[in-house]
N, C-alpha and C. Protein backbone atom coordinates (compact mmCIF):
# COMPACT_ATOMS: atom_id res chain seq x y z
N MET A 1 65.94 -26.47 18.55
CA MET A 1 66.59 -25.20 18.29
C MET A 1 65.57 -24.26 17.64
N SER A 2 65.39 -23.10 18.21
CA SER A 2 64.38 -22.17 17.72
C SER A 2 64.89 -21.38 16.52
N LYS A 3 63.94 -20.95 15.72
CA LYS A 3 64.27 -20.17 14.52
C LYS A 3 64.45 -18.71 14.90
N LYS A 4 65.53 -18.13 14.44
CA LYS A 4 65.75 -16.71 14.66
C LYS A 4 65.53 -16.00 13.33
N TRP A 5 64.51 -15.17 13.29
CA TRP A 5 64.15 -14.49 12.06
C TRP A 5 65.11 -13.34 11.78
N THR A 6 65.42 -13.17 10.51
CA THR A 6 66.25 -12.02 10.13
C THR A 6 65.41 -10.76 10.15
N GLU A 7 66.05 -9.65 10.32
CA GLU A 7 65.36 -8.37 10.36
C GLU A 7 65.49 -7.69 9.00
N GLY A 8 64.38 -7.10 8.57
CA GLY A 8 64.40 -6.41 7.29
C GLY A 8 64.31 -4.91 7.48
N TYR A 9 64.93 -4.19 6.58
CA TYR A 9 64.92 -2.73 6.65
C TYR A 9 64.43 -2.18 5.32
N PRO A 10 63.48 -1.24 5.36
CA PRO A 10 62.99 -0.67 4.09
C PRO A 10 64.08 0.14 3.39
N ARG A 11 64.13 -0.02 2.08
CA ARG A 11 65.08 0.74 1.27
C ARG A 11 64.33 1.66 0.32
N ASP A 12 64.96 2.75 -0.06
CA ASP A 12 64.30 3.70 -0.95
C ASP A 12 63.89 3.06 -2.28
N ASN A 13 64.74 2.15 -2.80
CA ASN A 13 64.44 1.57 -4.10
C ASN A 13 63.34 0.50 -4.02
N ALA A 14 62.88 0.17 -2.81
CA ALA A 14 61.79 -0.79 -2.67
C ALA A 14 60.43 -0.11 -2.63
N ILE A 15 60.42 1.21 -2.60
CA ILE A 15 59.18 1.97 -2.54
C ILE A 15 58.78 2.38 -3.95
N ALA A 16 57.56 2.04 -4.35
CA ALA A 16 57.10 2.33 -5.70
C ALA A 16 56.94 3.83 -5.89
N ASP A 17 57.43 4.31 -7.01
CA ASP A 17 57.27 5.71 -7.37
C ASP A 17 55.86 5.92 -7.93
N TYR A 18 55.11 6.86 -7.38
CA TYR A 18 53.72 7.00 -7.77
C TYR A 18 53.57 7.44 -9.22
N LYS A 19 54.49 8.22 -9.74
CA LYS A 19 54.40 8.65 -11.15
C LYS A 19 54.60 7.45 -12.08
N GLN A 20 55.57 6.62 -11.73
CA GLN A 20 55.81 5.43 -12.54
C GLN A 20 54.62 4.47 -12.46
N PHE A 21 54.06 4.33 -11.27
CA PHE A 21 52.88 3.46 -11.10
C PHE A 21 51.71 3.98 -11.92
N ASN A 22 51.43 5.29 -11.83
CA ASN A 22 50.31 5.87 -12.58
C ASN A 22 50.49 5.70 -14.08
N GLN A 23 51.73 5.85 -14.56
CA GLN A 23 51.97 5.71 -15.98
C GLN A 23 51.66 4.30 -16.46
N GLY A 24 52.12 3.29 -15.72
CA GLY A 24 51.82 1.91 -16.08
C GLY A 24 50.35 1.58 -15.95
N TYR A 25 49.71 2.10 -14.90
CA TYR A 25 48.29 1.85 -14.69
C TYR A 25 47.46 2.48 -15.80
N ASN A 26 47.79 3.72 -16.17
CA ASN A 26 47.03 4.40 -17.23
C ASN A 26 47.19 3.69 -18.57
N SER A 27 48.37 3.15 -18.83
CA SER A 27 48.57 2.42 -20.08
C SER A 27 47.71 1.17 -20.13
N SER A 28 47.67 0.44 -19.01
CA SER A 28 46.83 -0.76 -18.96
C SER A 28 45.36 -0.41 -19.08
N LYS A 29 44.95 0.65 -18.39
CA LYS A 29 43.54 1.06 -18.43
C LYS A 29 43.16 1.51 -19.83
N SER A 30 44.06 2.22 -20.51
CA SER A 30 43.77 2.69 -21.86
C SER A 30 43.58 1.53 -22.83
N SER A 31 44.41 0.48 -22.69
CA SER A 31 44.26 -0.67 -23.59
C SER A 31 42.96 -1.40 -23.33
N LEU A 32 42.55 -1.50 -22.05
CA LEU A 32 41.27 -2.13 -21.72
C LEU A 32 40.10 -1.33 -22.25
N ASN A 33 40.25 -0.01 -22.30
CA ASN A 33 39.18 0.86 -22.77
C ASN A 33 39.21 1.06 -24.28
N GLY A 34 39.99 0.26 -24.99
CA GLY A 34 40.04 0.36 -26.44
C GLY A 34 40.80 1.58 -26.94
N GLY A 35 41.75 2.06 -26.14
CA GLY A 35 42.54 3.22 -26.55
C GLY A 35 41.88 4.55 -26.31
N ILE A 36 40.70 4.53 -25.67
CA ILE A 36 39.99 5.78 -25.37
C ILE A 36 40.48 6.32 -24.04
N ASP A 37 41.03 7.51 -24.04
CA ASP A 37 41.55 8.14 -22.83
C ASP A 37 41.14 9.61 -22.87
N ARG A 38 40.51 10.07 -21.83
CA ARG A 38 40.01 11.45 -21.84
C ARG A 38 41.13 12.48 -21.90
N THR A 39 42.36 12.08 -21.51
CA THR A 39 43.48 13.03 -21.60
C THR A 39 44.01 13.14 -23.02
N MET A 40 43.66 12.20 -23.90
CA MET A 40 44.15 12.20 -25.27
C MET A 40 43.05 12.48 -26.28
N THR A 41 41.79 12.36 -25.85
CA THR A 41 40.67 12.51 -26.76
C THR A 41 40.16 13.95 -26.74
N PRO A 42 40.02 14.58 -27.91
CA PRO A 42 39.50 15.97 -27.95
C PRO A 42 38.11 16.07 -27.33
N VAL A 43 37.80 17.23 -26.81
CA VAL A 43 36.50 17.47 -26.21
C VAL A 43 35.40 17.34 -27.26
N ASN A 44 34.30 16.71 -26.89
CA ASN A 44 33.12 16.54 -27.73
C ASN A 44 33.38 15.73 -29.00
N VAL A 45 34.41 14.88 -28.97
CA VAL A 45 34.67 14.06 -30.15
C VAL A 45 33.62 12.96 -30.30
N PHE A 46 33.00 12.57 -29.19
CA PHE A 46 31.92 11.59 -29.22
C PHE A 46 30.61 12.27 -28.88
N ASP A 47 29.58 12.01 -29.66
CA ASP A 47 28.26 12.55 -29.31
C ASP A 47 27.47 11.49 -28.55
N GLU A 48 26.26 11.85 -28.16
CA GLU A 48 25.45 10.97 -27.30
C GLU A 48 25.10 9.66 -28.00
N THR A 49 24.99 9.67 -29.31
CA THR A 49 24.61 8.45 -30.02
C THR A 49 25.74 7.43 -30.03
N GLU A 50 26.97 7.86 -29.77
CA GLU A 50 28.11 6.95 -29.80
C GLU A 50 28.47 6.42 -28.42
N LYS A 51 27.81 6.90 -27.41
CA LYS A 51 28.08 6.45 -26.04
C LYS A 51 27.20 5.26 -25.72
N LYS A 52 27.81 4.25 -25.15
CA LYS A 52 27.10 3.02 -24.82
C LYS A 52 26.82 2.97 -23.33
N ASP A 53 25.55 2.95 -22.97
CA ASP A 53 25.17 2.89 -21.56
C ASP A 53 25.54 1.52 -20.98
N LYS A 54 26.04 1.51 -19.76
CA LYS A 54 26.41 0.29 -19.03
C LYS A 54 27.50 -0.51 -19.75
N ALA A 55 28.40 0.20 -20.42
CA ALA A 55 29.46 -0.49 -21.16
C ALA A 55 30.52 -1.05 -20.23
N PHE A 56 30.71 -0.45 -19.07
CA PHE A 56 31.77 -0.87 -18.16
C PHE A 56 31.23 -1.53 -16.90
N HIS A 57 30.15 -0.99 -16.37
CA HIS A 57 29.61 -1.55 -15.13
C HIS A 57 28.12 -1.20 -15.02
N TYR A 58 27.51 -1.78 -13.99
CA TYR A 58 26.07 -1.62 -13.77
C TYR A 58 25.83 -1.56 -12.26
N VAL A 59 25.06 -0.58 -11.81
CA VAL A 59 24.75 -0.43 -10.39
C VAL A 59 23.24 -0.36 -10.23
N GLN A 60 22.72 -1.17 -9.32
CA GLN A 60 21.27 -1.19 -9.10
C GLN A 60 20.98 -1.44 -7.63
N ILE A 61 20.00 -0.72 -7.10
CA ILE A 61 19.53 -0.93 -5.73
C ILE A 61 18.06 -1.35 -5.78
N PHE A 62 17.76 -2.42 -5.06
CA PHE A 62 16.38 -2.90 -4.94
C PHE A 62 15.97 -2.82 -3.47
N ARG A 63 14.95 -2.06 -3.17
CA ARG A 63 14.38 -2.01 -1.81
C ARG A 63 13.14 -2.89 -1.81
N LYS A 64 13.26 -4.02 -1.11
CA LYS A 64 12.22 -5.05 -1.19
C LYS A 64 11.25 -5.05 -0.02
N GLY A 65 11.55 -4.28 1.03
CA GLY A 65 10.61 -4.17 2.13
C GLY A 65 10.62 -5.38 3.05
N ASP A 66 9.47 -5.66 3.65
CA ASP A 66 9.37 -6.73 4.65
C ASP A 66 8.99 -8.06 4.00
N MET A 67 9.37 -9.12 4.66
CA MET A 67 9.03 -10.47 4.20
C MET A 67 7.52 -10.66 4.19
N ASN A 68 6.98 -11.20 3.10
CA ASN A 68 5.54 -11.43 3.03
C ASN A 68 5.19 -12.82 2.54
N VAL A 69 6.17 -13.74 2.59
CA VAL A 69 5.94 -15.11 2.15
C VAL A 69 5.58 -15.98 3.35
N LEU A 70 4.47 -16.69 3.24
CA LEU A 70 3.98 -17.56 4.32
C LEU A 70 3.73 -16.83 5.63
N VAL A 71 3.51 -15.51 5.55
CA VAL A 71 3.22 -14.75 6.76
C VAL A 71 1.83 -15.13 7.25
N ASP A 72 1.74 -15.53 8.49
CA ASP A 72 0.47 -15.93 9.09
C ASP A 72 -0.34 -14.68 9.40
N SER A 73 -1.57 -14.63 8.91
CA SER A 73 -2.40 -13.45 9.12
C SER A 73 -2.77 -13.24 10.57
N THR A 74 -2.61 -14.27 11.40
CA THR A 74 -2.99 -14.14 12.81
C THR A 74 -1.80 -13.73 13.69
N THR A 75 -0.57 -13.80 13.16
CA THR A 75 0.56 -13.40 13.99
C THR A 75 0.55 -11.89 14.15
N GLY A 76 0.98 -11.44 15.30
CA GLY A 76 1.00 -10.01 15.56
C GLY A 76 -0.31 -9.47 16.08
N THR A 77 -1.33 -10.33 16.17
CA THR A 77 -2.63 -9.86 16.64
C THR A 77 -2.91 -10.33 18.07
N THR A 78 -1.98 -11.08 18.65
CA THR A 78 -2.24 -11.65 19.98
C THR A 78 -1.74 -10.76 21.10
N GLY A 79 -1.03 -9.70 20.77
CA GLY A 79 -0.54 -8.82 21.82
C GLY A 79 0.15 -7.61 21.24
N ILE A 80 0.26 -6.56 22.01
CA ILE A 80 0.90 -5.34 21.55
C ILE A 80 2.39 -5.59 21.36
N GLY A 81 2.92 -5.15 20.24
CA GLY A 81 4.35 -5.27 20.00
C GLY A 81 4.78 -6.54 19.32
N ASP A 82 3.87 -7.45 19.04
CA ASP A 82 4.23 -8.68 18.34
C ASP A 82 4.46 -8.40 16.86
N PHE A 83 5.45 -9.08 16.28
CA PHE A 83 5.70 -8.98 14.85
C PHE A 83 4.77 -9.93 14.09
N ARG A 84 4.41 -9.53 12.88
CA ARG A 84 3.74 -10.44 11.97
C ARG A 84 4.81 -11.15 11.16
N GLY A 85 4.70 -12.44 11.06
CA GLY A 85 5.71 -13.18 10.33
C GLY A 85 5.30 -14.62 10.12
N LEU A 86 6.29 -15.42 9.87
CA LEU A 86 6.08 -16.84 9.62
C LEU A 86 5.92 -17.55 10.97
N SER A 87 4.86 -18.32 11.10
CA SER A 87 4.57 -18.99 12.37
C SER A 87 4.66 -20.50 12.21
N TYR A 88 4.54 -21.21 13.32
CA TYR A 88 4.54 -22.67 13.27
C TYR A 88 3.33 -23.21 12.53
N ASN A 89 2.28 -22.38 12.38
CA ASN A 89 1.12 -22.82 11.62
C ASN A 89 1.41 -22.91 10.12
N THR A 90 2.39 -22.15 9.66
CA THR A 90 2.69 -22.10 8.23
C THR A 90 4.08 -22.61 7.90
N TYR A 91 4.84 -23.02 8.89
CA TYR A 91 6.22 -23.46 8.67
C TYR A 91 6.45 -24.82 9.29
N GLY A 92 6.97 -25.75 8.49
CA GLY A 92 7.23 -27.09 9.01
C GLY A 92 8.69 -27.49 8.92
N GLY A 93 9.58 -26.53 8.64
CA GLY A 93 11.00 -26.82 8.53
C GLY A 93 11.50 -26.70 7.10
N GLY A 94 12.80 -26.67 6.94
CA GLY A 94 13.40 -26.58 5.61
C GLY A 94 13.50 -25.15 5.10
N TRP A 95 14.00 -25.03 3.87
CA TRP A 95 14.22 -23.72 3.26
C TRP A 95 12.91 -23.13 2.76
N VAL A 96 12.74 -21.84 3.00
CA VAL A 96 11.59 -21.07 2.51
C VAL A 96 12.13 -19.95 1.62
N THR A 97 11.58 -19.80 0.43
CA THR A 97 11.98 -18.69 -0.45
C THR A 97 11.33 -17.41 0.04
N VAL A 98 12.15 -16.55 0.62
CA VAL A 98 11.68 -15.29 1.16
C VAL A 98 11.39 -14.29 0.04
N ASP A 99 12.25 -14.27 -0.97
CA ASP A 99 12.06 -13.35 -2.09
C ASP A 99 12.81 -13.90 -3.31
N GLN A 100 12.32 -13.55 -4.48
CA GLN A 100 12.97 -13.98 -5.72
C GLN A 100 12.60 -12.99 -6.82
N PHE A 101 13.59 -12.55 -7.59
CA PHE A 101 13.33 -11.62 -8.68
C PHE A 101 14.45 -11.73 -9.70
N GLY A 102 14.24 -11.11 -10.86
CA GLY A 102 15.18 -11.24 -11.96
C GLY A 102 16.03 -10.01 -12.16
N LEU A 103 17.21 -10.21 -12.76
CA LEU A 103 18.09 -9.14 -13.21
C LEU A 103 18.21 -9.23 -14.72
N SER A 104 18.19 -8.08 -15.39
CA SER A 104 18.14 -8.10 -16.85
C SER A 104 19.28 -7.35 -17.52
N ASP A 105 20.20 -6.73 -16.77
CA ASP A 105 21.21 -5.87 -17.38
C ASP A 105 22.64 -6.34 -17.16
N LEU A 106 22.85 -7.57 -16.69
CA LEU A 106 24.21 -8.03 -16.44
C LEU A 106 24.85 -8.59 -17.70
N LYS A 107 26.18 -8.48 -17.76
CA LYS A 107 26.97 -9.11 -18.81
C LYS A 107 27.94 -10.08 -18.15
N ASP A 108 28.63 -10.87 -18.95
CA ASP A 108 29.64 -11.77 -18.40
C ASP A 108 30.69 -10.96 -17.65
N GLY A 109 30.94 -11.30 -16.40
CA GLY A 109 31.91 -10.55 -15.61
C GLY A 109 31.81 -10.91 -14.14
N MET A 110 32.01 -9.92 -13.29
CA MET A 110 31.95 -10.10 -11.84
C MET A 110 30.79 -9.28 -11.28
N LEU A 111 30.20 -9.81 -10.22
CA LEU A 111 29.08 -9.13 -9.57
C LEU A 111 29.37 -9.00 -8.08
N HIS A 112 29.23 -7.77 -7.57
CA HIS A 112 29.30 -7.50 -6.13
C HIS A 112 27.86 -7.38 -5.64
N TRP A 113 27.50 -8.21 -4.64
CA TRP A 113 26.12 -8.28 -4.15
C TRP A 113 26.12 -8.05 -2.65
N GLU A 114 25.36 -7.06 -2.20
CA GLU A 114 25.18 -6.78 -0.78
C GLU A 114 23.69 -6.89 -0.45
N PHE A 115 23.37 -7.73 0.51
CA PHE A 115 21.99 -7.91 0.96
C PHE A 115 21.92 -7.51 2.43
N SER A 116 21.16 -6.47 2.74
CA SER A 116 21.03 -5.99 4.12
C SER A 116 19.58 -6.15 4.57
N PHE A 117 19.41 -6.43 5.87
CA PHE A 117 18.06 -6.67 6.39
C PHE A 117 18.09 -6.62 7.91
N HIS A 118 16.91 -6.46 8.49
CA HIS A 118 16.70 -6.65 9.92
C HIS A 118 16.02 -8.01 10.09
N VAL A 119 16.35 -8.69 11.16
CA VAL A 119 15.71 -9.98 11.42
C VAL A 119 15.13 -9.98 12.83
N TYR A 120 13.92 -10.52 12.93
CA TYR A 120 13.32 -10.79 14.24
C TYR A 120 13.24 -12.30 14.39
N ASN A 121 13.80 -12.79 15.46
CA ASN A 121 13.85 -14.22 15.74
C ASN A 121 13.22 -14.43 17.11
N ASN A 122 12.12 -15.18 17.14
CA ASN A 122 11.39 -15.33 18.40
C ASN A 122 12.13 -16.31 19.32
N THR A 123 12.91 -15.77 20.22
CA THR A 123 13.68 -16.59 21.15
C THR A 123 12.95 -16.84 22.46
N PHE A 124 11.67 -16.46 22.52
CA PHE A 124 10.95 -16.58 23.78
C PHE A 124 10.28 -17.93 23.96
N PHE A 125 10.28 -18.76 22.89
CA PHE A 125 9.82 -20.13 23.04
C PHE A 125 11.05 -21.01 23.26
N PHE A 126 11.04 -21.79 24.31
CA PHE A 126 12.22 -22.57 24.66
C PHE A 126 12.02 -24.07 24.46
N LYS A 127 11.04 -24.44 23.63
CA LYS A 127 10.83 -25.85 23.34
C LYS A 127 12.03 -26.43 22.61
N ASN A 128 12.65 -25.63 21.72
CA ASN A 128 13.87 -26.02 21.02
C ASN A 128 14.65 -24.74 20.68
N PRO A 129 15.96 -24.82 20.50
CA PRO A 129 16.76 -23.62 20.26
C PRO A 129 16.30 -22.89 18.99
N LYS A 130 16.22 -21.58 19.07
CA LYS A 130 15.72 -20.78 17.96
C LYS A 130 16.88 -20.10 17.23
N SER A 131 16.86 -20.21 15.90
CA SER A 131 17.85 -19.53 15.07
C SER A 131 17.31 -19.45 13.65
N VAL A 132 17.88 -18.54 12.87
CA VAL A 132 17.50 -18.38 11.47
C VAL A 132 18.77 -18.46 10.63
N THR A 133 18.74 -19.23 9.56
CA THR A 133 19.84 -19.30 8.60
C THR A 133 19.37 -18.71 7.28
N ILE A 134 20.17 -17.83 6.71
CA ILE A 134 19.83 -17.15 5.46
C ILE A 134 20.85 -17.54 4.40
N ARG A 135 20.39 -17.79 3.17
CA ARG A 135 21.32 -18.03 2.07
C ARG A 135 20.87 -17.28 0.82
N LEU A 136 21.86 -16.88 0.03
CA LEU A 136 21.63 -16.18 -1.23
C LEU A 136 21.96 -17.12 -2.38
N LEU A 137 21.10 -17.17 -3.38
CA LEU A 137 21.31 -17.99 -4.55
C LEU A 137 21.30 -17.13 -5.80
N PHE A 138 22.24 -17.40 -6.70
CA PHE A 138 22.28 -16.71 -7.99
C PHE A 138 22.12 -17.76 -9.07
N ASP A 139 21.06 -17.64 -9.84
CA ASP A 139 20.71 -18.64 -10.85
C ASP A 139 20.68 -20.05 -10.26
N GLY A 140 20.15 -20.15 -9.04
CA GLY A 140 19.98 -21.44 -8.39
C GLY A 140 21.19 -21.98 -7.67
N VAL A 141 22.32 -21.25 -7.71
CA VAL A 141 23.54 -21.69 -7.06
C VAL A 141 23.75 -20.89 -5.78
N GLU A 142 23.98 -21.59 -4.67
CA GLU A 142 24.22 -20.92 -3.39
C GLU A 142 25.57 -20.22 -3.41
N VAL A 143 25.56 -18.90 -3.15
CA VAL A 143 26.79 -18.11 -3.21
C VAL A 143 27.16 -17.48 -1.88
N CYS A 144 26.25 -17.43 -0.91
CA CYS A 144 26.56 -16.82 0.38
C CYS A 144 25.56 -17.34 1.42
N THR A 145 26.05 -17.67 2.62
CA THR A 145 25.19 -18.21 3.67
C THR A 145 25.56 -17.59 5.01
N ALA A 146 24.55 -17.19 5.76
CA ALA A 146 24.72 -16.72 7.15
C ALA A 146 24.08 -17.76 8.05
N TYR A 147 24.91 -18.44 8.85
CA TYR A 147 24.44 -19.59 9.63
C TYR A 147 23.91 -19.19 11.01
N LYS A 148 22.75 -19.67 11.33
CA LYS A 148 22.18 -19.67 12.67
C LYS A 148 22.29 -18.31 13.36
N LEU A 149 21.58 -17.33 12.81
CA LEU A 149 21.46 -16.03 13.46
C LEU A 149 20.53 -16.22 14.65
N SER A 150 21.05 -16.04 15.83
CA SER A 150 20.30 -16.45 17.02
C SER A 150 19.90 -15.29 17.93
N MET A 151 20.28 -14.06 17.60
CA MET A 151 19.85 -12.93 18.43
C MET A 151 18.39 -12.61 18.13
N CYS A 152 17.72 -12.04 19.11
CA CYS A 152 16.29 -11.77 18.97
C CYS A 152 16.02 -10.74 17.87
N VAL A 153 16.68 -9.60 17.93
CA VAL A 153 16.52 -8.55 16.92
C VAL A 153 17.90 -8.04 16.56
N ASN A 154 18.20 -8.00 15.27
CA ASN A 154 19.51 -7.50 14.86
C ASN A 154 19.47 -7.10 13.39
N THR A 155 20.53 -6.41 12.96
CA THR A 155 20.68 -5.99 11.57
C THR A 155 21.89 -6.69 10.98
N TYR A 156 21.76 -7.20 9.77
CA TYR A 156 22.83 -7.96 9.13
C TYR A 156 23.04 -7.45 7.71
N ARG A 157 24.26 -7.70 7.21
CA ARG A 157 24.56 -7.44 5.81
C ARG A 157 25.40 -8.59 5.29
N MET A 158 24.91 -9.24 4.25
CA MET A 158 25.62 -10.34 3.61
C MET A 158 26.25 -9.81 2.33
N ILE A 159 27.54 -10.12 2.12
CA ILE A 159 28.29 -9.57 0.98
C ILE A 159 29.01 -10.70 0.27
N CYS A 160 28.92 -10.72 -1.06
CA CYS A 160 29.68 -11.69 -1.84
C CYS A 160 30.06 -11.08 -3.18
N ASP A 161 31.16 -11.58 -3.75
CA ASP A 161 31.63 -11.20 -5.08
C ASP A 161 31.75 -12.47 -5.89
N ILE A 162 31.04 -12.55 -7.00
CA ILE A 162 30.94 -13.81 -7.73
C ILE A 162 31.06 -13.56 -9.24
N PRO A 163 31.60 -14.53 -9.99
CA PRO A 163 31.54 -14.45 -11.45
C PRO A 163 30.13 -14.75 -11.94
N VAL A 164 29.67 -14.01 -12.94
CA VAL A 164 28.30 -14.18 -13.42
C VAL A 164 28.28 -14.26 -14.93
N THR A 165 27.20 -14.84 -15.43
CA THR A 165 26.94 -14.88 -16.87
C THR A 165 25.97 -13.76 -17.23
N ALA A 166 25.84 -13.51 -18.51
CA ALA A 166 24.97 -12.44 -18.97
C ALA A 166 23.51 -12.74 -18.63
N SER A 167 22.73 -11.69 -18.52
CA SER A 167 21.31 -11.81 -18.19
C SER A 167 20.54 -12.51 -19.31
N PRO A 168 19.37 -13.08 -18.99
CA PRO A 168 18.62 -12.93 -17.74
C PRO A 168 19.15 -13.80 -16.60
N ASN A 169 19.05 -13.26 -15.38
CA ASN A 169 19.48 -13.97 -14.19
C ASN A 169 18.38 -13.92 -13.14
N THR A 170 18.45 -14.85 -12.20
CA THR A 170 17.48 -14.90 -11.11
C THR A 170 18.21 -14.93 -9.78
N VAL A 171 17.83 -14.03 -8.88
CA VAL A 171 18.39 -14.04 -7.52
C VAL A 171 17.30 -14.49 -6.55
N THR A 172 17.72 -15.28 -5.57
CA THR A 172 16.78 -15.87 -4.63
C THR A 172 17.31 -15.73 -3.22
N ILE A 173 16.44 -15.37 -2.29
CA ILE A 173 16.79 -15.30 -0.87
C ILE A 173 15.96 -16.36 -0.16
N GLN A 174 16.65 -17.24 0.55
CA GLN A 174 15.96 -18.29 1.28
C GLN A 174 16.34 -18.26 2.76
N ALA A 175 15.42 -18.73 3.59
CA ALA A 175 15.66 -18.77 5.03
C ALA A 175 15.13 -20.08 5.59
N LYS A 176 15.72 -20.50 6.70
CA LYS A 176 15.15 -21.65 7.41
C LYS A 176 15.38 -21.48 8.90
N SER A 177 14.48 -22.07 9.65
CA SER A 177 14.57 -22.05 11.11
C SER A 177 14.34 -23.47 11.60
N VAL A 178 14.16 -23.59 12.88
CA VAL A 178 13.89 -24.92 13.43
C VAL A 178 12.47 -25.32 13.08
N ALA A 179 12.21 -26.62 13.06
CA ALA A 179 10.88 -27.11 12.75
C ALA A 179 9.93 -26.86 13.93
N ALA A 180 8.69 -27.20 13.71
CA ALA A 180 7.67 -26.96 14.74
C ALA A 180 7.99 -27.71 16.02
N GLY A 181 7.64 -27.09 17.13
CA GLY A 181 7.81 -27.73 18.42
C GLY A 181 6.67 -28.70 18.70
N ALA A 182 6.52 -29.06 19.96
CA ALA A 182 5.49 -30.04 20.33
C ALA A 182 4.09 -29.49 20.15
N THR A 183 3.95 -28.16 20.24
CA THR A 183 2.62 -27.55 20.16
C THR A 183 2.61 -26.49 19.07
N GLU A 184 1.66 -26.61 18.13
CA GLU A 184 1.52 -25.58 17.10
C GLU A 184 0.97 -24.32 17.76
N ASN A 185 1.38 -23.16 17.22
CA ASN A 185 0.90 -21.91 17.78
C ASN A 185 0.91 -20.85 16.71
N GLN A 186 0.34 -19.73 17.02
CA GLN A 186 0.20 -18.65 16.06
C GLN A 186 1.19 -17.52 16.31
N LYS A 187 2.14 -17.73 17.20
CA LYS A 187 3.16 -16.71 17.44
C LYS A 187 4.13 -16.63 16.27
N CYS A 188 4.65 -15.44 16.02
CA CYS A 188 5.62 -15.26 14.96
C CYS A 188 6.91 -16.01 15.30
N LEU A 189 7.37 -16.85 14.38
CA LEU A 189 8.61 -17.59 14.57
C LEU A 189 9.80 -16.71 14.19
N PHE A 190 9.78 -16.17 12.96
CA PHE A 190 10.80 -15.20 12.55
C PHE A 190 10.25 -14.39 11.38
N THR A 191 10.87 -13.26 11.13
CA THR A 191 10.53 -12.44 9.98
C THR A 191 11.73 -11.59 9.60
N LEU A 192 11.81 -11.20 8.32
CA LEU A 192 12.86 -10.32 7.83
C LEU A 192 12.22 -8.99 7.46
N LEU A 193 12.88 -7.90 7.83
CA LEU A 193 12.33 -6.57 7.65
C LEU A 193 13.31 -5.68 6.88
N ALA A 194 12.77 -4.71 6.13
CA ALA A 194 13.56 -3.70 5.43
C ALA A 194 14.66 -4.32 4.57
N MET A 195 14.32 -5.32 3.78
CA MET A 195 15.30 -5.99 2.93
C MET A 195 15.73 -5.06 1.78
N GLN A 196 17.04 -5.03 1.52
CA GLN A 196 17.57 -4.17 0.47
C GLN A 196 18.76 -4.85 -0.20
N HIS A 197 18.86 -4.70 -1.53
CA HIS A 197 19.94 -5.30 -2.31
C HIS A 197 20.72 -4.21 -3.04
N LEU A 198 22.04 -4.34 -3.05
CA LEU A 198 22.91 -3.50 -3.88
C LEU A 198 23.67 -4.43 -4.82
N PHE A 199 23.55 -4.19 -6.12
CA PHE A 199 24.27 -4.97 -7.13
C PHE A 199 25.21 -4.05 -7.89
N ILE A 200 26.48 -4.46 -7.99
CA ILE A 200 27.45 -3.73 -8.81
C ILE A 200 28.10 -4.76 -9.73
N GLY A 201 27.77 -4.69 -11.01
CA GLY A 201 28.35 -5.58 -12.00
C GLY A 201 29.49 -4.89 -12.72
N ARG A 202 30.60 -5.63 -12.93
CA ARG A 202 31.75 -5.07 -13.63
C ARG A 202 32.19 -6.05 -14.72
N TRP A 203 32.42 -5.54 -15.94
CA TRP A 203 32.83 -6.42 -17.03
C TRP A 203 33.88 -5.80 -17.94
N ARG A 204 34.45 -4.68 -17.61
CA ARG A 204 35.57 -4.12 -18.38
C ARG A 204 36.67 -3.67 -17.43
């Protein structure tokens, strides 16, 4: 016997009144802000010395450029249009740290992290299937992974929201591809280009 679902009809009293919602929201926000509300606080009651920078959130953009770790100096020199990158001469499999740097302004709270980049993956060698896997680590803990990016050239953005502890912190970007084929060569295996990070930390 099949289930027959009941039909629902919207009622006026089921729709939230925006004035009532705003009033409750403003009350909650005011208590979180320590009772400071610009609608209740006289103009210029606080001077610059009493204002705390990054008291509520922190926004930072890092433009890191192209990958330069284990880049083979001979890749990109064998023909017009070749990318310089990590080759079978310098890569034997496993995770490679593409970039690593520190953050110094975070507090205990939540962090929104966006990592955008272009990837070149050399799919023209058919000795074994070609793909690149990227992972993001925060203080050594893996927080986001993009598995087996297999297109030759593409743009990606990895996004995660994670709880974080106060600084100092370390962020790490790692990549891995397939191991060397039967023949070592100097062709570019893969490379990451135009890497950029957006960090938004929130703690109030």
